[in-house]
Amino acid sequence: MLYGKPNGLSYSRLGLTVGRGLGTAVVRGRFKRLCREAFRLSKDRQPSGWDWIVLPRRRAKKKAPRTRKLEFGYREVADDLLYLMKRVAANERRRERDGQNDVARG
């Protein structure tokens, strides 16, 4: 899940909250590193001036066949993060147009 709100700055910021439900400390650390790297490398394609908070859900994890390890790669995380950022920004523009003022989420 991704929450976002315009921050009034010329740059975006990323916050990560990863609970134990995602997996072991190694898995959580890997997920956070992938998210930070995806955020850093996609700055030119993401909406600027936003605060983003990433909250992965249990249903987001995928287990590799025949192993118990969680499987997610950089490309998957980067594509999902960028897709959700664009979706949240579009929802926020729609809310502003309609006169609502809540935190947008995707």
PDB file of N, CA and C in Angstrom:
ATOM      1  N   MET A   1       0.848  -1.159   0.000  1.00  0.00           N
ATOM      2  CA  MET A   1       0.000   0.000   0.000  1.00  0.00           C
ATOM      3  C   MET A   1       0.896   1.225   0.000  1.00  0.00           C
ATOM      4  N   LEU A   2       0.434   2.260  -0.656  1.00  0.00           N
ATOM      5  CA  LEU A   2       1.212   3.489  -0.754  1.00  0.00           C
ATOM      6  C   LEU A   2       0.311   4.667  -0.406  1.00  0.00           C
ATOM      7  N   TYR A   3       0.777   5.489   0.516  1.00  0.00           N
ATOM      8  CA  TYR A   3       0.092   6.724   0.855  1.00  0.00           C
ATOM      9  C   TYR A   3       0.924   7.877   0.325  1.00  0.00           C
ATOM     10  N   GLY A   4       0.263   8.941  -0.078  1.00  0.00           N
ATOM     11  CA  GLY A   4       0.988  10.094  -0.577  1.00  0.00           C
ATOM     12  C   GLY A   4       0.240  11.384  -0.340  1.00  0.00           C
ATOM     13  N   LYS A   5       1.016  12.448  -0.185  1.00  0.00           N
ATOM     14  CA  LYS A   5       0.430  13.768  -0.004  1.00  0.00           C
ATOM     15  C   LYS A   5       1.427  14.800  -0.532  1.00  0.00           C
ATOM     16  N   PRO A   6       0.945  15.812  -1.254  1.00  0.00           N
ATOM     17  CA  PRO A   6       1.864  16.853  -1.716  1.00  0.00           C
ATOM     18  C   PRO A   6       2.544  17.526  -0.524  1.00  0.00           C
ATOM     19  N   ASN A   7       3.843  17.819  -0.649  1.00  0.00           N
ATOM     20  CA  ASN A   7       4.578  18.392   0.475  1.00  0.00           C
ATOM     21  C   ASN A   7       4.947  19.860   0.274  1.00  0.00           C
ATOM     22  N   GLY A   8       4.661  20.421  -0.881  1.00  0.00           N
ATOM     23  CA  GLY A   8       4.977  21.817  -1.122  1.00  0.00           C
ATOM     24  C   GLY A   8       6.450  22.090  -1.404  1.00  0.00           C
ATOM     25  N   LEU A   9       7.242  21.058  -1.542  1.00  0.00           N
ATOM     26  CA  LEU A   9       8.661  21.208  -1.839  1.00  0.00           C
ATOM     27  C   LEU A   9       8.908  20.877  -3.310  1.00  0.00           C
ATOM     28  N   SER A  10      10.107  21.126  -3.763  1.00  0.00           N
ATOM     29  CA  SER A  10      10.419  20.823  -5.158  1.00  0.00           C
ATOM     30  C   SER A  10      10.884  19.383  -5.354  1.00  0.00           C
ATOM     31  N   TYR A  11      10.982  18.632  -4.275  1.00  0.00           N
ATOM     32  CA  TYR A  11      11.436  17.242  -4.363  1.00  0.00           C
ATOM     33  C   TYR A  11      10.512  16.344  -3.544  1.00  0.00           C
ATOM     34  N   SER A  12      10.573  15.048  -3.824  1.00  0.00           N
ATOM     35  CA  SER A  12       9.759  14.070  -3.115  1.00  0.00           C
ATOM     36  C   SER A  12      10.585  13.370  -2.050  1.00  0.00           C
ATOM     37  N   ARG A  13       9.873  12.834  -1.047  1.00  0.00           N
ATOM     38  CA  ARG A  13      10.524  12.088   0.026  1.00  0.00           C
ATOM     39  C   ARG A  13       9.831  10.742   0.181  1.00  0.00           C
ATOM     40  N   LEU A  14      10.590   9.755   0.669  1.00  0.00           N
ATOM     41  CA  LEU A  14      10.076   8.399   0.805  1.00  0.00           C
ATOM     42  C   LEU A  14      10.200   7.940   2.245  1.00  0.00           C
ATOM     43  N   GLY A  15       9.115   7.359   2.764  1.00  0.00           N
ATOM     44  CA  GLY A  15       9.127   6.738   4.079  1.00  0.00           C
ATOM     45  C   GLY A  15       8.722   5.284   3.934  1.00  0.00           C
ATOM     46  N   LEU A  16       9.369   4.411   4.681  1.00  0.00           N
ATOM     47  CA  LEU A  16       9.094   2.974   4.603  1.00  0.00           C
ATOM     48  C   LEU A  16       8.737   2.444   5.985  1.00  0.00           C
ATOM     49  N   THR A  17       7.662   1.698   6.058  1.00  0.00           N
ATOM     50  CA  THR A  17       7.261   1.015   7.283  1.00  0.00           C
ATOM     51  C   THR A  17       7.043  -0.444   6.920  1.00  0.00           C
ATOM     52  N   VAL A  18       7.966  -1.279   7.349  1.00  0.00           N
ATOM     53  CA  VAL A  18       7.912  -2.694   6.980  1.00  0.00           C
ATOM     54  C   VAL A  18       7.837  -3.522   8.253  1.00  0.00           C
ATOM     55  N   GLY A  19       6.708  -4.164   8.471  1.00  0.00           N
ATOM     56  CA  GLY A  19       6.506  -4.974   9.667  1.00  0.00           C
ATOM     57  C   GLY A  19       6.980  -6.400   9.497  1.00  0.00           C
ATOM     58  N   ARG A  20       6.937  -7.133  10.589  1.00  0.00           N
ATOM     59  CA  ARG A  20       7.406  -8.528  10.590  1.00  0.00           C
ATOM     60  C   ARG A  20       6.579  -9.445   9.704  1.00  0.00           C
ATOM     61  N   GLY A  21       5.373  -9.035   9.385  1.00  0.00           N
ATOM     62  CA  GLY A  21       4.516  -9.877   8.560  1.00  0.00           C
ATOM     63  C   GLY A  21       5.077 -10.141   7.176  1.00  0.00           C
ATOM     64  N   LEU A  22       5.997  -9.296   6.723  1.00  0.00           N
ATOM     65  CA  LEU A  22       6.584  -9.483   5.401  1.00  0.00           C
ATOM     66  C   LEU A  22       7.615 -10.598   5.391  1.00  0.00           C
ATOM     67  N   GLY A  23       8.268 -10.824   6.519  1.00  0.00           N
ATOM     68  CA  GLY A  23       9.267 -11.890   6.564  1.00  0.00           C
ATOM     69  C   GLY A  23      10.343 -11.602   7.590  1.00  0.00           C
ATOM     70  N   THR A  24      11.450 -12.289   7.439  1.00  0.00           N
ATOM     71  CA  THR A  24      12.566 -12.130   8.369  1.00  0.00           C
ATOM     72  C   THR A  24      13.228 -10.766   8.178  1.00  0.00           C
ATOM     73  N   ALA A  25      14.150 -10.451   9.063  1.00  0.00           N
ATOM     74  CA  ALA A  25      14.857  -9.172   8.985  1.00  0.00           C
ATOM     75  C   ALA A  25      15.605  -9.030   7.658  1.00  0.00           C
ATOM     76  N   VAL A  26      16.137 -10.132   7.164  1.00  0.00           N
ATOM     77  CA  VAL A  26      16.855 -10.110   5.888  1.00  0.00           C
ATOM     78  C   VAL A  26      15.895  -9.748   4.746  1.00  0.00           C
ATOM     79  N   VAL A  27      14.721 -10.347   4.745  1.00  0.00           N
ATOM     80  CA  VAL A  27      13.725 -10.082   3.706  1.00  0.00           C
ATOM     81  C   VAL A  27      13.236  -8.643   3.796  1.00  0.00           C
ATOM     82  N   ARG A  28      12.953  -8.181   5.019  1.00  0.00           N
ATOM     83  CA  ARG A  28      12.490  -6.800   5.194  1.00  0.00           C
ATOM     84  C   ARG A  28      13.555  -5.803   4.760  1.00  0.00           C
ATOM     85  N   GLY A  29      14.802  -6.079   5.102  1.00  0.00           N
ATOM     86  CA  GLY A  29      15.900  -5.198   4.699  1.00  0.00           C
ATOM     87  C   GLY A  29      16.064  -5.150   3.192  1.00  0.00           C
ATOM     88  N   ARG A  30      15.948  -6.298   2.563  1.00  0.00           N
ATOM     89  CA  ARG A  30      16.065  -6.345   1.096  1.00  0.00           C
ATOM     90  C   ARG A  30      14.947  -5.560   0.439  1.00  0.00           C
ATOM     91  N   PHE A  31      13.724  -5.725   0.960  1.00  0.00           N
ATOM     92  CA  PHE A  31      12.591  -4.987   0.411  1.00  0.00           C
ATOM     93  C   PHE A  31      12.814  -3.477   0.542  1.00  0.00           C
ATOM     94  N   LYS A  32      13.312  -3.030   1.691  1.00  0.00           N
ATOM     95  CA  LYS A  32      13.555  -1.597   1.891  1.00  0.00           C
ATOM     96  C   LYS A  32      14.651  -1.087   0.956  1.00  0.00           C
ATOM     97  N   ARG A  33      15.711  -1.868   0.785  1.00  0.00           N
ATOM     98  CA  ARG A  33      16.781  -1.447  -0.135  1.00  0.00           C
ATOM     99  C   ARG A  33      16.265  -1.333  -1.564  1.00  0.00           C
ATOM    100  N   LEU A  34      15.449  -2.304  -1.977  1.00  0.00           N
ATOM    101  CA  LEU A  34      14.885  -2.267  -3.334  1.00  0.00           C
ATOM    102  C   LEU A  34      13.974  -1.055  -3.510  1.00  0.00           C
ATOM    103  N   CYS A  35      13.157  -0.758  -2.512  1.00  0.00           N
ATOM    104  CA  CYS A  35      12.268   0.417  -2.599  1.00  0.00           C
ATOM    105  C   CYS A  35      13.064   1.716  -2.685  1.00  0.00           C
ATOM    106  N   ARG A  36      14.089   1.846  -1.842  1.00  0.00           N
ATOM    107  CA  ARG A  36      14.907   3.073  -1.877  1.00  0.00           C
ATOM    108  C   ARG A  36      15.597   3.239  -3.232  1.00  0.00           C
ATOM    109  N   GLU A  37      16.126   2.147  -3.754  1.00  0.00           N
ATOM    110  CA  GLU A  37      16.817   2.219  -5.041  1.00  0.00           C
ATOM    111  C   GLU A  37      15.833   2.533  -6.174  1.00  0.00           C
ATOM    112  N   ALA A  38      14.671   1.921  -6.142  1.00  0.00           N
ATOM    113  CA  ALA A  38      13.655   2.203  -7.161  1.00  0.00           C
ATOM    114  C   ALA A  38      13.225   3.662  -7.092  1.00  0.00           C
ATOM    115  N   PHE A  39      13.063   4.184  -5.889  1.00  0.00           N
ATOM    116  CA  PHE A  39      12.691   5.585  -5.696  1.00  0.00           C
ATOM    117  C   PHE A  39      13.782   6.504  -6.248  1.00  0.00           C
ATOM    118  N   ARG A  40      15.022   6.198  -5.913  1.00  0.00           N
ATOM    119  CA  ARG A  40      16.150   7.030  -6.342  1.00  0.00           C
ATOM    120  C   ARG A  40      16.310   7.048  -7.869  1.00  0.00           C
ATOM    121  N   LEU A  41      16.174   5.888  -8.494  1.00  0.00           N
ATOM    122  CA  LEU A  41      16.410   5.794  -9.931  1.00  0.00           C
ATOM    123  C   LEU A  41      15.224   6.251 -10.784  1.00  0.00           C
ATOM    124  N   SER A  42      14.047   6.397 -10.189  1.00  0.00           N
ATOM    125  CA  SER A  42      12.876   6.793 -10.976  1.00  0.00           C
ATOM    126  C   SER A  42      12.428   8.225 -10.701  1.00  0.00           C
ATOM    127  N   LYS A  43      13.294   9.035 -10.120  1.00  0.00           N
ATOM    128  CA  LYS A  43      12.911  10.414  -9.782  1.00  0.00           C
ATOM    129  C   LYS A  43      12.452  11.218 -10.994  1.00  0.00           C
ATOM    130  N   ASP A  44      12.999  10.932 -12.163  1.00  0.00           N
ATOM    131  CA  ASP A  44      12.618  11.690 -13.357  1.00  0.00           C
ATOM    132  C   ASP A  44      11.242  11.269 -13.889  1.00  0.00           C
ATOM    133  N   ARG A  45      10.735  10.099 -13.486  1.00  0.00           N
ATOM    134  CA  ARG A  45       9.440   9.620 -13.981  1.00  0.00           C
ATOM    135  C   ARG A  45       8.320   9.711 -12.951  1.00  0.00           C
ATOM    136  N   GLN A  46       8.645  10.067 -11.716  1.00  0.00           N
ATOM    137  CA  GLN A  46       7.623  10.134 -10.677  1.00  0.00           C
ATOM    138  C   GLN A  46       7.182  11.573 -10.437  1.00  0.00           C
ATOM    139  N   PRO A  47       5.981  11.758  -9.882  1.00  0.00           N
ATOM    140  CA  PRO A  47       5.532  13.115  -9.558  1.00  0.00           C
ATOM    141  C   PRO A  47       6.468  13.740  -8.514  1.00  0.00           C
ATOM    142  N   SER A  48       6.832  14.994  -8.689  1.00  0.00           N
ATOM    143  CA  SER A  48       7.729  15.638  -7.731  1.00  0.00           C
ATOM    144  C   SER A  48       6.922  16.443  -6.722  1.00  0.00           C
ATOM    145  N   GLY A  49       7.527  16.695  -5.572  1.00  0.00           N
ATOM    146  CA  GLY A  49       6.871  17.462  -4.532  1.00  0.00           C
ATOM    147  C   GLY A  49       5.873  16.665  -3.708  1.00  0.00           C
ATOM    148  N   TRP A  50       6.170  15.399  -3.460  1.00  0.00           N
ATOM    149  CA  TRP A  50       5.272  14.524  -2.713  1.00  0.00           C
ATOM    150  C   TRP A  50       6.008  13.858  -1.563  1.00  0.00           C
ATOM    151  N   ASP A  51       5.265  13.556  -0.497  1.00  0.00           N
ATOM    152  CA  ASP A  51       5.743  12.678   0.563  1.00  0.00           C
ATOM    153  C   ASP A  51       5.058  11.336   0.353  1.00  0.00           C
ATOM    154  N   TRP A  52       5.848  10.262   0.297  1.00  0.00           N
ATOM    155  CA  TRP A  52       5.320   8.925   0.044  1.00  0.00           C
ATOM    156  C   TRP A  52       5.601   8.038   1.242  1.00  0.00           C
ATOM    157  N   ILE A  53       4.641   7.211   1.620  1.00  0.00           N
ATOM    158  CA  ILE A  53       4.831   6.226   2.672  1.00  0.00           C
ATOM    159  C   ILE A  53       4.442   4.860   2.112  1.00  0.00           C
ATOM    160  N   VAL A  54       5.384   3.928   2.144  1.00  0.00           N
ATOM    161  CA  VAL A  54       5.164   2.575   1.639  1.00  0.00           C
ATOM    162  C   VAL A  54       4.885   1.652   2.823  1.00  0.00           C
ATOM    163  N   LEU A  55       3.772   0.931   2.745  1.00  0.00           N
ATOM    164  CA  LEU A  55       3.382  -0.056   3.754  1.00  0.00           C
ATOM    165  C   LEU A  55       3.074  -1.369   3.044  1.00  0.00           C
ATOM    166  N   PRO A  56       4.045  -2.268   2.934  1.00  0.00           N
ATOM    167  CA  PRO A  56       3.765  -3.530   2.241  1.00  0.00           C
ATOM    168  C   PRO A  56       2.782  -4.381   3.033  1.00  0.00           C
ATOM    169  N   ARG A  57       1.947  -5.085   2.337  1.00  0.00           N
ATOM    170  CA  ARG A  57       0.949  -5.963   2.950  1.00  0.00           C
ATOM    171  C   ARG A  57       1.355  -7.414   2.751  1.00  0.00           C
ATOM    172  N   ARG A  58       0.857  -8.283   3.601  1.00  0.00           N
ATOM    173  CA  ARG A  58       1.198  -9.708   3.501  1.00  0.00           C
ATOM    174  C   ARG A  58       0.859 -10.289   2.142  1.00  0.00           C
ATOM    175  N   ARG A  59      -0.242  -9.861   1.582  1.00  0.00           N
ATOM    176  CA  ARG A  59      -0.628 -10.428   0.291  1.00  0.00           C
ATOM    177  C   ARG A  59       0.323  -9.994  -0.825  1.00  0.00           C
ATOM    178  N   ALA A  60       1.203  -9.035  -0.540  1.00  0.00           N
ATOM    179  CA  ALA A  60       2.164  -8.593  -1.544  1.00  0.00           C
ATOM    180  C   ALA A  60       3.340  -9.556  -1.671  1.00  0.00           C
ATOM    181  N   LYS A  61       3.526 -10.407  -0.672  1.00  0.00           N
ATOM    182  CA  LYS A  61       4.681 -11.289  -0.750  1.00  0.00           C
ATOM    183  C   LYS A  61       4.390 -12.509  -1.613  1.00  0.00           C
ATOM    184  N   LYS A  62       5.396 -12.946  -2.306  1.00  0.00           N
ATOM    185  CA  LYS A  62       5.292 -14.108  -3.193  1.00  0.00           C
ATOM    186  C   LYS A  62       6.378 -15.097  -2.807  1.00  0.00           C
ATOM    187  N   LYS A  63       6.008 -16.324  -2.690  1.00  0.00           N
ATOM    188  CA  LYS A  63       7.001 -17.344  -2.361  1.00  0.00           C
ATOM    189  C   LYS A  63       7.479 -18.024  -3.633  1.00  0.00           C
ATOM    190  N   ALA A  64       8.764 -18.227  -3.682  1.00  0.00           N
ATOM    191  CA  ALA A  64       9.353 -18.915  -4.825  1.00  0.00           C
ATOM    192  C   ALA A  64       8.969 -20.388  -4.763  1.00  0.00           C
ATOM    193  N   PRO A  65       8.795 -21.031  -5.907  1.00  0.00           N
ATOM    194  CA  PRO A  65       8.450 -22.451  -5.910  1.00  0.00           C
ATOM    195  C   PRO A  65       9.534 -23.287  -5.239  1.00  0.00           C
ATOM    196  N   ARG A  66       9.095 -24.286  -4.484  1.00  0.00           N
ATOM    197  CA  ARG A  66       9.973 -25.259  -3.826  1.00  0.00           C
ATOM    198  C   ARG A  66      10.846 -24.674  -2.715  1.00  0.00           C
ATOM    199  N   THR A  67      10.710 -23.415  -2.411  1.00  0.00           N
ATOM    200  CA  THR A  67      11.470 -22.828  -1.305  1.00  0.00           C
ATOM    201  C   THR A  67      10.519 -22.025  -0.444  1.00  0.00           C
ATOM    202  N   ARG A  68      10.986 -21.641   0.674  1.00  0.00           N
ATOM    203  CA  ARG A  68      10.170 -20.813   1.559  1.00  0.00           C
ATOM    204  C   ARG A  68      10.621 -19.362   1.517  1.00  0.00           C
ATOM    205  N   LYS A  69      11.580 -19.063   0.680  1.00  0.00           N
ATOM    206  CA  LYS A  69      12.083 -17.697   0.592  1.00  0.00           C
ATOM    207  C   LYS A  69      11.121 -16.829  -0.206  1.00  0.00           C
ATOM    208  N   LEU A  70      11.053 -15.580   0.182  1.00  0.00           N
ATOM    209  CA  LEU A  70      10.220 -14.636  -0.559  1.00  0.00           C
ATOM    210  C   LEU A  70      10.946 -14.195  -1.805  1.00  0.00           C
ATOM    211  N   GLU A  71      10.187 -14.002  -2.850  1.00  0.00           N
ATOM    212  CA  GLU A  71      10.760 -13.694  -4.147  1.00  0.00           C
ATOM    213  C   GLU A  71      10.198 -12.379  -4.661  1.00  0.00           C
ATOM    214  N   PHE A  72      11.005 -11.349  -4.723  1.00  0.00           N
ATOM    215  CA  PHE A  72      10.652 -10.132  -5.426  1.00  0.00           C
ATOM    216  C   PHE A  72      11.949  -9.482  -5.870  1.00  0.00           C
ATOM    217  N   GLY A  73      11.928  -8.993  -7.092  1.00  0.00           N
ATOM    218  CA  GLY A  73      13.121  -8.408  -7.664  1.00  0.00           C
ATOM    219  C   GLY A  73      12.991  -6.904  -7.838  1.00  0.00           C
ATOM    220  N   TYR A  74      14.087  -6.308  -8.240  1.00  0.00           N
ATOM    221  CA  TYR A  74      14.111  -4.857  -8.393  1.00  0.00           C
ATOM    222  C   TYR A  74      13.062  -4.382  -9.391  1.00  0.00           C
ATOM    223  N   ARG A  75      12.988  -5.030 -10.551  1.00  0.00           N
ATOM    224  CA  ARG A  75      12.069  -4.572 -11.604  1.00  0.00           C
ATOM    225  C   ARG A  75      10.620  -4.608 -11.121  1.00  0.00           C
ATOM    226  N   GLU A  76      10.254  -5.660 -10.421  1.00  0.00           N
ATOM    227  CA  GLU A  76       8.893  -5.779  -9.901  1.00  0.00           C
ATOM    228  C   GLU A  76       8.582  -4.664  -8.897  1.00  0.00           C
ATOM    229  N   VAL A  77       9.492  -4.435  -7.966  1.00  0.00           N
ATOM    230  CA  VAL A  77       9.289  -3.392  -6.959  1.00  0.00           C
ATOM    231  C   VAL A  77       9.254  -2.013  -7.620  1.00  0.00           C
ATOM    232  N   ALA A  78      10.169  -1.752  -8.549  1.00  0.00           N
ATOM    233  CA  ALA A  78      10.229  -0.453  -9.213  1.00  0.00           C
ATOM    234  C   ALA A  78       8.966  -0.176 -10.023  1.00  0.00           C
ATOM    235  N   ASP A  79       8.512  -1.166 -10.790  1.00  0.00           N
ATOM    236  CA  ASP A  79       7.303  -0.980 -11.596  1.00  0.00           C
ATOM    237  C   ASP A  79       6.078  -0.735 -10.728  1.00  0.00           C
ATOM    238  N   ASP A  80       5.935  -1.516  -9.652  1.00  0.00           N
ATOM    239  CA  ASP A  80       4.788  -1.352  -8.758  1.00  0.00           C
ATOM    240  C   ASP A  80       4.820  -0.002  -8.054  1.00  0.00           C
ATOM    241  N   LEU A  81       5.999   0.411  -7.598  1.00  0.00           N
ATOM    242  CA  LEU A  81       6.120   1.690  -6.900  1.00  0.00           C
ATOM    243  C   LEU A  81       5.764   2.858  -7.811  1.00  0.00           C
ATOM    244  N   LEU A  82       6.281   2.856  -9.017  1.00  0.00           N
ATOM    245  CA  LEU A  82       5.991   3.936  -9.955  1.00  0.00           C
ATOM    246  C   LEU A  82       4.517   3.954 -10.350  1.00  0.00           C
ATOM    247  N   TYR A  83       3.947   2.778 -10.585  1.00  0.00           N
ATOM    248  CA  TYR A  83       2.524   2.689 -10.918  1.00  0.00           C
ATOM    249  C   TYR A  83       1.667   3.272  -9.797  1.00  0.00           C
ATOM    250  N   LEU A  84       1.958   2.881  -8.556  1.00  0.00           N
ATOM    251  CA  LEU A  84       1.166   3.377  -7.427  1.00  0.00           C
ATOM    252  C   LEU A  84       1.341   4.874  -7.214  1.00  0.00           C
ATOM    253  N   MET A  85       2.559   5.390  -7.422  1.00  0.00           N
ATOM    254  CA  MET A  85       2.783   6.831  -7.281  1.00  0.00           C
ATOM    255  C   MET A  85       1.936   7.622  -8.276  1.00  0.00           C
ATOM    256  N   LYS A  86       1.925   7.169  -9.505  1.00  0.00           N
ATOM    257  CA  LYS A  86       1.137   7.866 -10.522  1.00  0.00           C
ATOM    258  C   LYS A  86      -0.348   7.766 -10.218  1.00  0.00           C
ATOM    259  N   ARG A  87      -0.778   6.612  -9.735  1.00  0.00           N
ATOM    260  CA  ARG A  87      -2.195   6.422  -9.402  1.00  0.00           C
ATOM    261  C   ARG A  87      -2.625   7.313  -8.229  1.00  0.00           C
ATOM    262  N   VAL A  88      -1.786   7.379  -7.196  1.00  0.00           N
ATOM    263  CA  VAL A  88      -2.099   8.230  -6.039  1.00  0.00           C
ATOM    264  C   VAL A  88      -2.130   9.696  -6.442  1.00  0.00           C
ATOM    265  N   ALA A  89      -1.174  10.130  -7.263  1.00  0.00           N
ATOM    266  CA  ALA A  89      -1.142  11.526  -7.704  1.00  0.00           C
ATOM    267  C   ALA A  89      -2.387  11.860  -8.525  1.00  0.00           C
ATOM    268  N   ALA A  90      -2.815  10.950  -9.385  1.00  0.00           N
ATOM    269  CA  ALA A  90      -4.025  11.188 -10.181  1.00  0.00           C
ATOM    270  C   ALA A  90      -5.259  11.262  -9.274  1.00  0.00           C
ATOM    271  N   ASN A  91      -5.322  10.386  -8.261  1.00  0.00           N
ATOM    272  CA  ASN A  91      -6.436  10.433  -7.314  1.00  0.00           C
ATOM    273  C   ASN A  91      -6.449  11.747  -6.538  1.00  0.00           C
ATOM    274  N   GLU A  92      -5.283  12.231  -6.167  1.00  0.00           N
ATOM    275  CA  GLU A  92      -5.196  13.496  -5.427  1.00  0.00           C
ATOM    276  C   GLU A  92      -5.658  14.671  -6.297  1.00  0.00           C
ATOM    277  N   ARG A  93      -5.264  14.664  -7.566  1.00  0.00           N
ATOM    278  CA  ARG A  93      -5.725  15.731  -8.471  1.00  0.00           C
ATOM    279  C   ARG A  93      -7.242  15.692  -8.609  1.00  0.00           C
ATOM    280  N   ARG A  94      -7.797  14.493  -8.671  1.00  0.00           N
ATOM    281  CA  ARG A  94      -9.250  14.347  -8.755  1.00  0.00           C
ATOM    282  C   ARG A  94      -9.919  14.847  -7.476  1.00  0.00           C
ATOM    283  N   ARG A  95      -9.337  14.531  -6.321  1.00  0.00           N
ATOM    284  CA  ARG A  95      -9.890  15.007  -5.047  1.00  0.00           C
ATOM    285  C   ARG A  95      -9.868  16.528  -4.964  1.00  0.00           C
ATOM    286  N   GLU A  96      -8.764  17.116  -5.367  1.00  0.00           N
ATOM    287  CA  GLU A  96      -8.662  18.581  -5.344  1.00  0.00           C
ATOM    288  C   GLU A  96      -9.700  19.201  -6.264  1.00  0.00           C
ATOM    289  N   ARG A  97      -9.875  18.599  -7.414  1.00  0.00           N
ATOM    290  CA  ARG A  97     -10.860  19.102  -8.359  1.00  0.00           C
ATOM    291  C   ARG A  97     -12.276  18.989  -7.791  1.00  0.00           C
ATOM    292  N   ASP A  98     -12.549  17.901  -7.069  1.00  0.00           N
ATOM    293  CA  ASP A  98     -13.870  17.673  -6.502  1.00  0.00           C
ATOM    294  C   ASP A  98     -14.067  18.346  -5.149  1.00  0.00           C
ATOM    295  N   GLY A  99     -13.014  18.950  -4.605  1.00  0.00           N
ATOM    296  CA  GLY A  99     -13.150  19.682  -3.348  1.00  0.00           C
ATOM    297  C   GLY A  99     -12.913  18.884  -2.089  1.00  0.00           C
ATOM    298  N   GLN A 100     -12.400  17.661  -2.199  1.00  0.00           N
ATOM    299  CA  GLN A 100     -12.106  16.853  -1.022  1.00  0.00           C
ATOM    300  C   GLN A 100     -10.660  17.078  -0.626  1.00  0.00           C
ATOM    301  N   ASN A 101     -10.356  16.941   0.666  1.00  0.00           N
ATOM    302  CA  ASN A 101      -8.996  17.210   1.134  1.00  0.00           C
ATOM    303  C   ASN A 101      -8.547  16.126   2.113  1.00  0.00           C
ATOM    304  N   ASP A 102      -8.340  14.898   1.636  1.00  0.00           N
ATOM    305  CA  ASP A 102      -7.856  13.794   2.465  1.00  0.00           C
ATOM    306  C   ASP A 102      -6.494  13.352   1.941  1.00  0.00           C
ATOM    307  N   VAL A 103      -5.857  12.489   2.704  1.00  0.00           N
ATOM    308  CA  VAL A 103      -4.605  11.894   2.251  1.00  0.00           C
ATOM    309  C   VAL A 103      -4.949  10.890   1.157  1.00  0.00           C
ATOM    310  N   ALA A 104      -4.241  10.994   0.048  1.00  0.00           N
ATOM    311  CA  ALA A 104      -4.486  10.074  -1.077  1.00  0.00           C
ATOM    312  C   ALA A 104      -3.750   8.777  -0.801  1.00  0.00           C
ATOM    313  N   ARG A 105      -4.332   7.672  -1.238  1.00  0.00           N
ATOM    314  CA  ARG A 105      -3.675   6.378  -1.074  1.00  0.00           C
ATOM    315  C   ARG A 105      -3.948   5.491  -2.272  1.00  0.00           C
ATOM    316  N   GLY A 106      -3.071   4.542  -2.481  1.00  0.00           N
ATOM    317  CA  GLY A 106      -3.216   3.640  -3.609  1.00  0.00           C
ATOM    318  C   GLY A 106      -3.011   2.223  -3.252  1.00  0.00           C
TER     319      GLY A 106
END
